Amino acid sequence: TEGADSRDFSHVGIVYTHNDSIFVIEATGSKGVCITPLQ
């Protein structure tokens, strides 16, 4: 599947902000559904 801008993507997450910090809600093979710091 070709992604936007003809780029290749194999993962996606949702941005979530809390107390001025940015996180990503995602599902990963190692952790399942988790909340990850943006950096």
PDB file of all heavy atoms in Angstrom:
ATOM      1  N   THR A   1       0.833  -1.202   0.000  1.00  0.00           N
ATOM      2  CA  THR A   1       0.000   0.000   0.000  1.00  0.00           C
ATOM      3  C   THR A   1       0.866   1.250   0.000  1.00  0.00           C
ATOM      4  O   THR A   1       1.676   1.445   0.896  1.00  0.00           O
ATOM      5  CB  THR A   1      -0.935   0.048   1.236  1.00  0.00           C
ATOM      6  OG1 THR A   1      -1.705  -1.143   1.284  1.00  0.00           O
ATOM      7  CG2 THR A   1      -1.882   1.237   1.136  1.00  0.00           C
ATOM      8  N   GLU A   2       0.650   2.087  -1.002  1.00  0.00           N
ATOM      9  CA  GLU A   2       1.387   3.347  -1.068  1.00  0.00           C
ATOM     10  C   GLU A   2       0.715   4.381  -0.172  1.00  0.00           C
ATOM     11  O   GLU A   2      -0.500   4.507  -0.151  1.00  0.00           O
ATOM     12  CB  GLU A   2       1.423   3.855  -2.509  1.00  0.00           C
ATOM     13  CG  GLU A   2       2.267   5.092  -2.710  1.00  0.00           C
ATOM     14  CD  GLU A   2       2.359   5.484  -4.179  1.00  0.00           C
ATOM     15  OE1 GLU A   2       1.357   6.005  -4.708  1.00  0.00           O
ATOM     16  OE2 GLU A   2       3.417   5.243  -4.782  1.00  0.00           O
ATOM     17  N   GLY A   3       1.528   5.119   0.574  1.00  0.00           N
ATOM     18  CA  GLY A   3       0.998   6.136   1.463  1.00  0.00           C
ATOM     19  C   GLY A   3       0.952   7.508   0.821  1.00  0.00           C
ATOM     20  O   GLY A   3       1.296   7.689  -0.356  1.00  0.00           O
ATOM     21  N   ALA A   4       0.525   8.496   1.592  1.00  0.00           N
ATOM     22  CA  ALA A   4       0.498   9.884   1.134  1.00  0.00           C
ATOM     23  C   ALA A   4       1.892  10.311   0.686  1.00  0.00           C
ATOM     24  O   ALA A   4       2.906   9.842   1.207  1.00  0.00           O
ATOM     25  CB  ALA A   4      -0.003  10.786   2.259  1.00  0.00           C
ATOM     26  N   ASP A   5       1.947  11.212  -0.272  1.00  0.00           N
ATOM     27  CA  ASP A   5       3.221  11.709  -0.813  1.00  0.00           C
ATOM     28  C   ASP A   5       4.053  10.595  -1.445  1.00  0.00           C
ATOM     29  O   ASP A   5       5.267  10.722  -1.588  1.00  0.00           O
ATOM     30  CB  ASP A   5       4.084  12.374   0.273  1.00  0.00           C
ATOM     31  CG  ASP A   5       3.486  13.659   0.809  1.00  0.00           C
ATOM     32  OD1 ASP A   5       2.521  14.158   0.198  1.00  0.00           O
ATOM     33  OD2 ASP A   5       3.978  14.165   1.822  1.00  0.00           O
ATOM     34  N   SER A   6       3.388   9.486  -1.811  1.00  0.00           N
ATOM     35  CA  SER A   6       4.085   8.327  -2.392  1.00  0.00           C
ATOM     36  C   SER A   6       5.134   7.756  -1.437  1.00  0.00           C
ATOM     37  O   SER A   6       6.127   7.178  -1.865  1.00  0.00           O
ATOM     38  CB  SER A   6       4.738   8.701  -3.738  1.00  0.00           C
ATOM     39  OG  SER A   6       3.760   9.098  -4.670  1.00  0.00           O
ATOM     40  N   ARG A   7       4.904   7.932  -0.141  1.00  0.00           N
ATOM     41  CA  ARG A   7       5.833   7.415   0.861  1.00  0.00           C
ATOM     42  C   ARG A   7       5.323   6.096   1.424  1.00  0.00           C
ATOM     43  O   ARG A   7       4.182   5.712   1.203  1.00  0.00           O
ATOM     44  CB  ARG A   7       6.035   8.437   1.977  1.00  0.00           C
ATOM     45  CG  ARG A   7       6.540   9.767   1.454  1.00  0.00           C
ATOM     46  CD  ARG A   7       6.978  10.691   2.559  1.00  0.00           C
ATOM     47  NE  ARG A   7       7.260  12.023   2.046  1.00  0.00           N
ATOM     48  CZ  ARG A   7       8.146  12.849   2.565  1.00  0.00           C
ATOM     49  NH1 ARG A   7       8.865  12.476   3.598  1.00  0.00           N
ATOM     50  NH2 ARG A   7       8.331  14.056   2.059  1.00  0.00           N
ATOM     51  N   ASP A   8       6.200   5.426   2.138  1.00  0.00           N
ATOM     52  CA  ASP A   8       5.870   4.120   2.703  1.00  0.00           C
ATOM     53  C   ASP A   8       5.710   4.233   4.219  1.00  0.00           C
ATOM     54  O   ASP A   8       6.585   4.774   4.896  1.00  0.00           O
ATOM     55  CB  ASP A   8       6.978   3.115   2.394  1.00  0.00           C
ATOM     56  CG  ASP A   8       7.134   2.872   0.910  1.00  0.00           C
ATOM     57  OD1 ASP A   8       6.115   2.861   0.201  1.00  0.00           O
ATOM     58  OD2 ASP A   8       8.281   2.684   0.461  1.00  0.00           O
ATOM     59  N   PHE A   9       4.607   3.707   4.730  1.00  0.00           N
ATOM     60  CA  PHE A   9       4.355   3.750   6.163  1.00  0.00           C
ATOM     61  C   PHE A   9       3.973   2.367   6.676  1.00  0.00           C
ATOM     62  O   PHE A   9       3.198   1.653   6.040  1.00  0.00           O
ATOM     63  CB  PHE A   9       3.233   4.739   6.488  1.00  0.00           C
ATOM     64  CG  PHE A   9       3.509   6.126   5.999  1.00  0.00           C
ATOM     65  CD1 PHE A   9       2.750   6.689   4.989  1.00  0.00           C
ATOM     66  CD2 PHE A   9       4.559   6.867   6.513  1.00  0.00           C
ATOM     67  CE1 PHE A   9       3.019   7.964   4.519  1.00  0.00           C
ATOM     68  CE2 PHE A   9       4.845   8.141   6.049  1.00  0.00           C
ATOM     69  CZ  PHE A   9       4.067   8.693   5.047  1.00  0.00           C
ATOM     70  N   SER A  10       4.506   2.027   7.826  1.00  0.00           N
ATOM     71  CA  SER A  10       4.187   0.739   8.434  1.00  0.00           C
ATOM     72  C   SER A  10       3.639   0.890   9.848  1.00  0.00           C
ATOM     73  O   SER A  10       3.412  -0.110  10.533  1.00  0.00           O
ATOM     74  CB  SER A  10       5.437  -0.152   8.455  1.00  0.00           C
ATOM     75  OG  SER A  10       6.568   0.559   8.924  1.00  0.00           O
ATOM     76  N   HIS A  11       3.424   2.121  10.301  1.00  0.00           N
ATOM     77  CA  HIS A  11       2.911   2.334  11.656  1.00  0.00           C
ATOM     78  C   HIS A  11       2.166   3.664  11.716  1.00  0.00           C
ATOM     79  O   HIS A  11       2.432   4.585  10.931  1.00  0.00           O
ATOM     80  CB  HIS A  11       4.061   2.343  12.656  1.00  0.00           C
ATOM     81  CG  HIS A  11       3.614   2.361  14.089  1.00  0.00           C
ATOM     82  ND1 HIS A  11       2.795   1.397  14.630  1.00  0.00           N
ATOM     83  CD2 HIS A  11       3.858   3.257  15.098  1.00  0.00           C
ATOM     84  CE1 HIS A  11       2.565   1.669  15.899  1.00  0.00           C
ATOM     85  NE2 HIS A  11       3.188   2.793  16.213  1.00  0.00           N
ATOM     86  N   VAL A  12       1.220   3.752  12.652  1.00  0.00           N
ATOM     87  CA  VAL A  12       0.455   4.989  12.853  1.00  0.00           C
ATOM     88  C   VAL A  12       0.034   5.086  14.308  1.00  0.00           C
ATOM     89  O   VAL A  12      -0.207   4.071  14.978  1.00  0.00           O
ATOM     90  CB  VAL A  12      -0.785   5.040  11.921  1.00  0.00           C
ATOM     91  CG1 VAL A  12      -1.734   3.883  12.205  1.00  0.00           C
ATOM     92  CG2 VAL A  12      -1.526   6.372  12.046  1.00  0.00           C
ATOM     93  N   GLY A  13      -0.016   6.311  14.838  1.00  0.00           N
ATOM     94  CA  GLY A  13      -0.492   6.562  16.188  1.00  0.00           C
ATOM     95  C   GLY A  13      -1.276   7.856  16.240  1.00  0.00           C
ATOM     96  O   GLY A  13      -1.262   8.648  15.289  1.00  0.00           O
ATOM     97  N   ILE A  14      -1.969   8.089  17.360  1.00  0.00           N
ATOM     98  CA  ILE A  14      -2.825   9.261  17.540  1.00  0.00           C
ATOM     99  C   ILE A  14      -2.200  10.203  18.560  1.00  0.00           C
ATOM    100  O   ILE A  14      -1.855   9.781  19.669  1.00  0.00           O
ATOM    101  CB  ILE A  14      -4.231   8.859  18.030  1.00  0.00           C
ATOM    102  CG1 ILE A  14      -4.837   7.751  17.159  1.00  0.00           C
ATOM    103  CG2 ILE A  14      -5.159  10.082  18.056  1.00  0.00           C
ATOM    104  CD1 ILE A  14      -6.151   7.201  17.707  1.00  0.00           C
ATOM    105  N   VAL A  15      -2.086  11.469  18.212  1.00  0.00           N
ATOM    106  CA  VAL A  15      -1.504  12.459  19.111  1.00  0.00           C
ATOM    107  C   VAL A  15      -2.470  12.771  20.254  1.00  0.00           C
ATOM    108  O   VAL A  15      -3.683  12.943  20.049  1.00  0.00           O
ATOM    109  CB  VAL A  15      -1.154  13.748  18.345  1.00  0.00           C
ATOM    110  CG1 VAL A  15      -0.776  14.879  19.307  1.00  0.00           C
ATOM    111  CG2 VAL A  15      -0.016  13.480  17.367  1.00  0.00           C
ATOM    112  N   TYR A  16      -1.898  12.875  21.449  1.00  0.00           N
ATOM    113  CA  TYR A  16      -2.668  13.170  22.667  1.00  0.00           C
ATOM    114  C   TYR A  16      -1.824  14.099  23.532  1.00  0.00           C
ATOM    115  O   TYR A  16      -0.652  13.822  23.796  1.00  0.00           O
ATOM    116  CB  TYR A  16      -2.972  11.851  23.391  1.00  0.00           C
ATOM    117  CG  TYR A  16      -3.303  11.968  24.852  1.00  0.00           C
ATOM    118  CD1 TYR A  16      -4.463  12.616  25.271  1.00  0.00           C
ATOM    119  CD2 TYR A  16      -2.470  11.405  25.822  1.00  0.00           C
ATOM    120  CE1 TYR A  16      -4.774  12.703  26.625  1.00  0.00           C
ATOM    121  CE2 TYR A  16      -2.773  11.485  27.165  1.00  0.00           C
ATOM    122  CZ  TYR A  16      -3.925  12.137  27.564  1.00  0.00           C
ATOM    123  OH  TYR A  16      -4.229  12.221  28.899  1.00  0.00           O
ATOM    124  N   THR A  17      -2.395  15.222  23.948  1.00  0.00           N
ATOM    125  CA  THR A  17      -1.654  16.164  24.783  1.00  0.00           C
ATOM    126  C   THR A  17      -2.182  16.116  26.219  1.00  0.00           C
ATOM    127  O   THR A  17      -3.379  15.959  26.456  1.00  0.00           O
ATOM    128  CB  THR A  17      -1.755  17.606  24.253  1.00  0.00           C
ATOM    129  OG1 THR A  17      -3.140  18.006  24.200  1.00  0.00           O
ATOM    130  CG2 THR A  17      -1.171  17.711  22.845  1.00  0.00           C
ATOM    131  N   HIS A  18      -1.237  16.263  27.155  1.00  0.00           N
ATOM    132  CA  HIS A  18      -1.601  16.246  28.577  1.00  0.00           C
ATOM    133  C   HIS A  18      -0.612  17.115  29.341  1.00  0.00           C
ATOM    134  O   HIS A  18       0.603  16.895  29.269  1.00  0.00           O
ATOM    135  CB  HIS A  18      -1.571  14.812  29.114  1.00  0.00           C
ATOM    136  CG  HIS A  18      -1.928  14.697  30.555  1.00  0.00           C
ATOM    137  ND1 HIS A  18      -3.211  14.976  31.037  1.00  0.00           N
ATOM    138  CD2 HIS A  18      -1.186  14.349  31.641  1.00  0.00           C
ATOM    139  CE1 HIS A  18      -3.228  14.798  32.339  1.00  0.00           C
ATOM    140  NE2 HIS A  18      -2.013  14.425  32.734  1.00  0.00           N
ATOM    141  N   ASN A  19      -1.145  18.124  30.035  1.00  0.00           N
ATOM    142  CA  ASN A  19      -0.293  19.040  30.808  1.00  0.00           C
ATOM    143  C   ASN A  19       0.849  19.616  29.961  1.00  0.00           C
ATOM    144  O   ASN A  19       2.009  19.630  30.375  1.00  0.00           O
ATOM    145  CB  ASN A  19       0.286  18.333  32.039  1.00  0.00           C
ATOM    146  CG  ASN A  19      -0.784  17.997  33.065  1.00  0.00           C
ATOM    147  OD1 ASN A  19      -1.855  18.608  33.085  1.00  0.00           O
ATOM    148  ND2 ASN A  19      -0.505  17.020  33.908  1.00  0.00           N
ATOM    149  N   ASP A  20       0.501  20.050  28.757  1.00  0.00           N
ATOM    150  CA  ASP A  20       1.463  20.667  27.834  1.00  0.00           C
ATOM    151  C   ASP A  20       2.519  19.709  27.304  1.00  0.00           C
ATOM    152  O   ASP A  20       3.482  20.146  26.658  1.00  0.00           O
ATOM    153  CB  ASP A  20       2.162  21.872  28.480  1.00  0.00           C
ATOM    154  CG  ASP A  20       1.198  23.010  28.784  1.00  0.00           C
ATOM    155  OD1 ASP A  20       0.258  23.197  27.986  1.00  0.00           O
ATOM    156  OD2 ASP A  20       1.381  23.689  29.806  1.00  0.00           O
ATOM    157  N   SER A  21       2.384  18.432  27.574  1.00  0.00           N
ATOM    158  CA  SER A  21       3.279  17.440  26.994  1.00  0.00           C
ATOM    159  C   SER A  21       2.526  16.663  25.916  1.00  0.00           C
ATOM    160  O   SER A  21       1.305  16.484  25.994  1.00  0.00           O
ATOM    161  CB  SER A  21       3.790  16.465  28.062  1.00  0.00           C
ATOM    162  OG  SER A  21       4.596  17.144  29.011  1.00  0.00           O
ATOM    163  N   ILE A  22       3.271  16.221  24.908  1.00  0.00           N
ATOM    164  CA  ILE A  22       2.648  15.542  23.773  1.00  0.00           C
ATOM    165  C   ILE A  22       3.000  14.067  23.811  1.00  0.00           C
ATOM    166  O   ILE A  22       4.163  13.687  23.970  1.00  0.00           O
ATOM    167  CB  ILE A  22       3.094  16.167  22.443  1.00  0.00           C
ATOM    168  CG1 ILE A  22       2.773  17.671  22.427  1.00  0.00           C
ATOM    169  CG2 ILE A  22       2.399  15.474  21.272  1.00  0.00           C
ATOM    170  CD1 ILE A  22       3.236  18.389  21.164  1.00  0.00           C
ATOM    171  N   PHE A  23       1.986  13.237  23.640  1.00  0.00           N
ATOM    172  CA  PHE A  23       2.139  11.785  23.640  1.00  0.00           C
ATOM    173  C   PHE A  23       1.505  11.218  22.367  1.00  0.00           C
ATOM    174  O   PHE A  23       0.808  11.914  21.636  1.00  0.00           O
ATOM    175  CB  PHE A  23       1.455  11.176  24.864  1.00  0.00           C
ATOM    176  CG  PHE A  23       2.006  11.661  26.179  1.00  0.00           C
ATOM    177  CD1 PHE A  23       1.504  12.816  26.775  1.00  0.00           C
ATOM    178  CD2 PHE A  23       3.026  10.970  26.816  1.00  0.00           C
ATOM    179  CE1 PHE A  23       2.016  13.269  27.981  1.00  0.00           C
ATOM    180  CE2 PHE A  23       3.546  11.414  28.022  1.00  0.00           C
ATOM    181  CZ  PHE A  23       3.038  12.571  28.609  1.00  0.00           C
ATOM    182  N   VAL A  24       1.749   9.939  22.146  1.00  0.00           N
ATOM    183  CA  VAL A  24       1.146   9.235  21.018  1.00  0.00           C
ATOM    184  C   VAL A  24       0.484   7.973  21.555  1.00  0.00           C
ATOM    185  O   VAL A  24       1.135   7.150  22.218  1.00  0.00           O
ATOM    186  CB  VAL A  24       2.200   8.863  19.954  1.00  0.00           C
ATOM    187  CG1 VAL A  24       1.516   8.185  18.760  1.00  0.00           C
ATOM    188  CG2 VAL A  24       2.966  10.094  19.496  1.00  0.00           C
ATOM    189  N   ILE A  25      -0.813   7.836  21.310  1.00  0.00           N
ATOM    190  CA  ILE A  25      -1.518   6.605  21.659  1.00  0.00           C
ATOM    191  C   ILE A  25      -1.342   5.656  20.479  1.00  0.00           C
ATOM    192  O   ILE A  25      -1.688   5.995  19.339  1.00  0.00           O
ATOM    193  CB  ILE A  25      -3.010   6.859  21.931  1.00  0.00           C
ATOM    194  CG1 ILE A  25      -3.204   7.978  22.958  1.00  0.00           C
ATOM    195  CG2 ILE A  25      -3.681   5.572  22.419  1.00  0.00           C
ATOM    196  CD1 ILE A  25      -4.659   8.368  23.165  1.00  0.00           C
ATOM    197  N   GLU A  26      -0.805   4.488  20.749  1.00  0.00           N
ATOM    198  CA  GLU A  26      -0.469   3.572  19.660  1.00  0.00           C
ATOM    199  C   GLU A  26      -0.614   2.130  20.116  1.00  0.00           C
ATOM    200  O   GLU A  26      -0.718   1.848  21.322  1.00  0.00           O
ATOM    201  CB  GLU A  26       0.958   3.818  19.185  1.00  0.00           C
ATOM    202  CG  GLU A  26       1.997   3.684  20.288  1.00  0.00           C
ATOM    203  CD  GLU A  26       3.426   3.875  19.801  1.00  0.00           C
ATOM    204  OE1 GLU A  26       3.665   3.822  18.577  1.00  0.00           O
ATOM    205  OE2 GLU A  26       4.316   4.061  20.660  1.00  0.00           O
ATOM    206  N   ALA A  27      -0.621   1.229  19.162  1.00  0.00           N
ATOM    207  CA  ALA A  27      -0.602  -0.205  19.446  1.00  0.00           C
ATOM    208  C   ALA A  27       0.675  -0.768  18.839  1.00  0.00           C
ATOM    209  O   ALA A  27       0.890  -0.665  17.633  1.00  0.00           O
ATOM    210  CB  ALA A  27      -1.827  -0.891  18.850  1.00  0.00           C
ATOM    211  N   THR A  28       1.528  -1.328  19.685  1.00  0.00           N
ATOM    212  CA  THR A  28       2.802  -1.866  19.222  1.00  0.00           C
ATOM    213  C   THR A  28       2.908  -3.344  19.565  1.00  0.00           C
ATOM    214  O   THR A  28       2.259  -3.832  20.495  1.00  0.00           O
ATOM    215  CB  THR A  28       3.994  -1.124  19.858  1.00  0.00           C
ATOM    216  OG1 THR A  28       4.100  -1.480  21.240  1.00  0.00           O
ATOM    217  CG2 THR A  28       3.833   0.390  19.736  1.00  0.00           C
ATOM    218  N   GLY A  29       3.758  -4.031  18.806  1.00  0.00           N
ATOM    219  CA  GLY A  29       3.924  -5.456  19.028  1.00  0.00           C
ATOM    220  C   GLY A  29       4.499  -5.786  20.384  1.00  0.00           C
ATOM    221  O   GLY A  29       4.223  -6.845  20.943  1.00  0.00           O
ATOM    222  N   SER A  30       5.300  -4.884  20.940  1.00  0.00           N
ATOM    223  CA  SER A  30       5.956  -5.172  22.215  1.00  0.00           C
ATOM    224  C   SER A  30       5.130  -4.780  23.440  1.00  0.00           C
ATOM    225  O   SER A  30       5.271  -5.380  24.505  1.00  0.00           O
ATOM    226  CB  SER A  30       7.308  -4.456  22.282  1.00  0.00           C
ATOM    227  OG  SER A  30       7.144  -3.052  22.159  1.00  0.00           O
ATOM    228  N   LYS A  31       4.255  -3.780  23.290  1.00  0.00           N
ATOM    229  CA  LYS A  31       3.535  -3.265  24.458  1.00  0.00           C
ATOM    230  C   LYS A  31       2.015  -3.324  24.328  1.00  0.00           C
ATOM    231  O   LYS A  31       1.313  -3.038  25.296  1.00  0.00           O
ATOM    232  CB  LYS A  31       3.952  -1.821  24.730  1.00  0.00           C
ATOM    233  CG  LYS A  31       5.414  -1.663  25.128  1.00  0.00           C
ATOM    234  CD  LYS A  31       5.725  -0.198  25.435  1.00  0.00           C
ATOM    235  CE  LYS A  31       7.159  -0.018  25.873  1.00  0.00           C
ATOM    236  NZ  LYS A  31       7.473   1.412  26.155  1.00  0.00           N
ATOM    237  N   GLY A  32       1.495  -3.648  23.174  1.00  0.00           N
ATOM    238  CA  GLY A  32       0.056  -3.551  22.979  1.00  0.00           C
ATOM    239  C   GLY A  32      -0.345  -2.089  22.893  1.00  0.00           C
ATOM    240  O   GLY A  32       0.433  -1.246  22.444  1.00  0.00           O
ATOM    241  N   VAL A  33      -1.543  -1.774  23.345  1.00  0.00           N
ATOM    242  CA  VAL A  33      -1.994  -0.377  23.307  1.00  0.00           C
ATOM    243  C   VAL A  33      -1.311   0.372  24.447  1.00  0.00           C
ATOM    244  O   VAL A  33      -1.430  -0.004  25.617  1.00  0.00           O
ATOM    245  CB  VAL A  33      -3.524  -0.273  23.426  1.00  0.00           C
ATOM    246  CG1 VAL A  33      -3.964   1.195  23.384  1.00  0.00           C
ATOM    247  CG2 VAL A  33      -4.207  -1.051  22.300  1.00  0.00           C
ATOM    248  N   CYS A  34      -0.606   1.433  24.088  1.00  0.00           N
ATOM    249  CA  CYS A  34       0.179   2.159  25.080  1.00  0.00           C
ATOM    250  C   CYS A  34       0.212   3.643  24.727  1.00  0.00           C
ATOM    251  O   CYS A  34      -0.184   4.049  23.630  1.00  0.00           O
ATOM    252  CB  CYS A  34       1.607   1.611  25.155  1.00  0.00           C
ATOM    253  SG  CYS A  34       2.502   1.637  23.582  1.00  0.00           S
ATOM    254  N   ILE A  35       0.669   4.446  25.676  1.00  0.00           N
ATOM    255  CA  ILE A  35       0.799   5.888  25.470  1.00  0.00           C
ATOM    256  C   ILE A  35       2.282   6.231  25.560  1.00  0.00           C
ATOM    257  O   ILE A  35       2.922   6.021  26.592  1.00  0.00           O
ATOM    258  CB  ILE A  35      -0.026   6.668  26.505  1.00  0.00           C
ATOM    259  CG1 ILE A  35      -1.510   6.300  26.364  1.00  0.00           C
ATOM    260  CG2 ILE A  35       0.168   8.177  26.313  1.00  0.00           C
ATOM    261  CD1 ILE A  35      -2.433   6.974  27.369  1.00  0.00           C
ATOM    262  N   THR A  36       2.825   6.740  24.457  1.00  0.00           N
ATOM    263  CA  THR A  36       4.263   6.931  24.294  1.00  0.00           C
ATOM    264  C   THR A  36       4.607   8.412  24.201  1.00  0.00           C
ATOM    265  O   THR A  36       3.948   9.150  23.459  1.00  0.00           O
ATOM    266  CB  THR A  36       4.732   6.226  23.003  1.00  0.00           C
ATOM    267  OG1 THR A  36       4.352   4.847  23.050  1.00  0.00           O
ATOM    268  CG2 THR A  36       6.229   6.354  22.805  1.00  0.00           C
ATOM    269  N   PRO A  37       5.621   8.888  24.905  1.00  0.00           N
ATOM    270  CA  PRO A  37       6.055  10.279  24.721  1.00  0.00           C
ATOM    271  C   PRO A  37       6.419  10.540  23.259  1.00  0.00           C
ATOM    272  O   PRO A  37       7.019   9.683  22.593  1.00  0.00           O
ATOM    273  CB  PRO A  37       7.288  10.383  25.626  1.00  0.00           C
ATOM    274  CG  PRO A  37       7.074   9.338  26.673  1.00  0.00           C
ATOM    275  CD  PRO A  37       6.399   8.196  25.963  1.00  0.00           C
ATOM    276  N   LEU A  38       6.050  11.707  22.776  1.00  0.00           N
ATOM    277  CA  LEU A  38       6.282  12.036  21.369  1.00  0.00           C
ATOM    278  C   LEU A  38       7.734  11.838  20.963  1.00  0.00           C
ATOM    279  O   LEU A  38       8.011  11.277  19.901  1.00  0.00           O
ATOM    280  CB  LEU A  38       5.859  13.490  21.089  1.00  0.00           C
ATOM    281  CG  LEU A  38       6.183  14.010  19.682  1.00  0.00           C
ATOM    282  CD1 LEU A  38       5.414  13.235  18.618  1.00  0.00           C
ATOM    283  CD2 LEU A  38       5.894  15.505  19.580  1.00  0.00           C
ATOM    284  N   GLN A  39       8.677  12.317  21.790  1.00  0.00           N
ATOM    285  CA  GLN A  39      10.083  12.224  21.400  1.00  0.00           C
ATOM    286  C   GLN A  39      10.511  10.771  21.223  1.00  0.00           C
ATOM    287  O   GLN A  39      11.271  10.451  20.295  1.00  0.00           O
ATOM    288  CB  GLN A  39      10.978  12.922  22.429  1.00  0.00           C
ATOM    289  CG  GLN A  39      12.387  13.200  21.916  1.00  0.00           C
ATOM    290  CD  GLN A  39      12.377  14.101  20.690  1.00  0.00           C
ATOM    291  OE1 GLN A  39      11.795  15.176  20.692  1.00  0.00           O
ATOM    292  NE2 GLN A  39      13.035  13.639  19.622  1.00  0.00           N
TER     293      GLN A  39
END
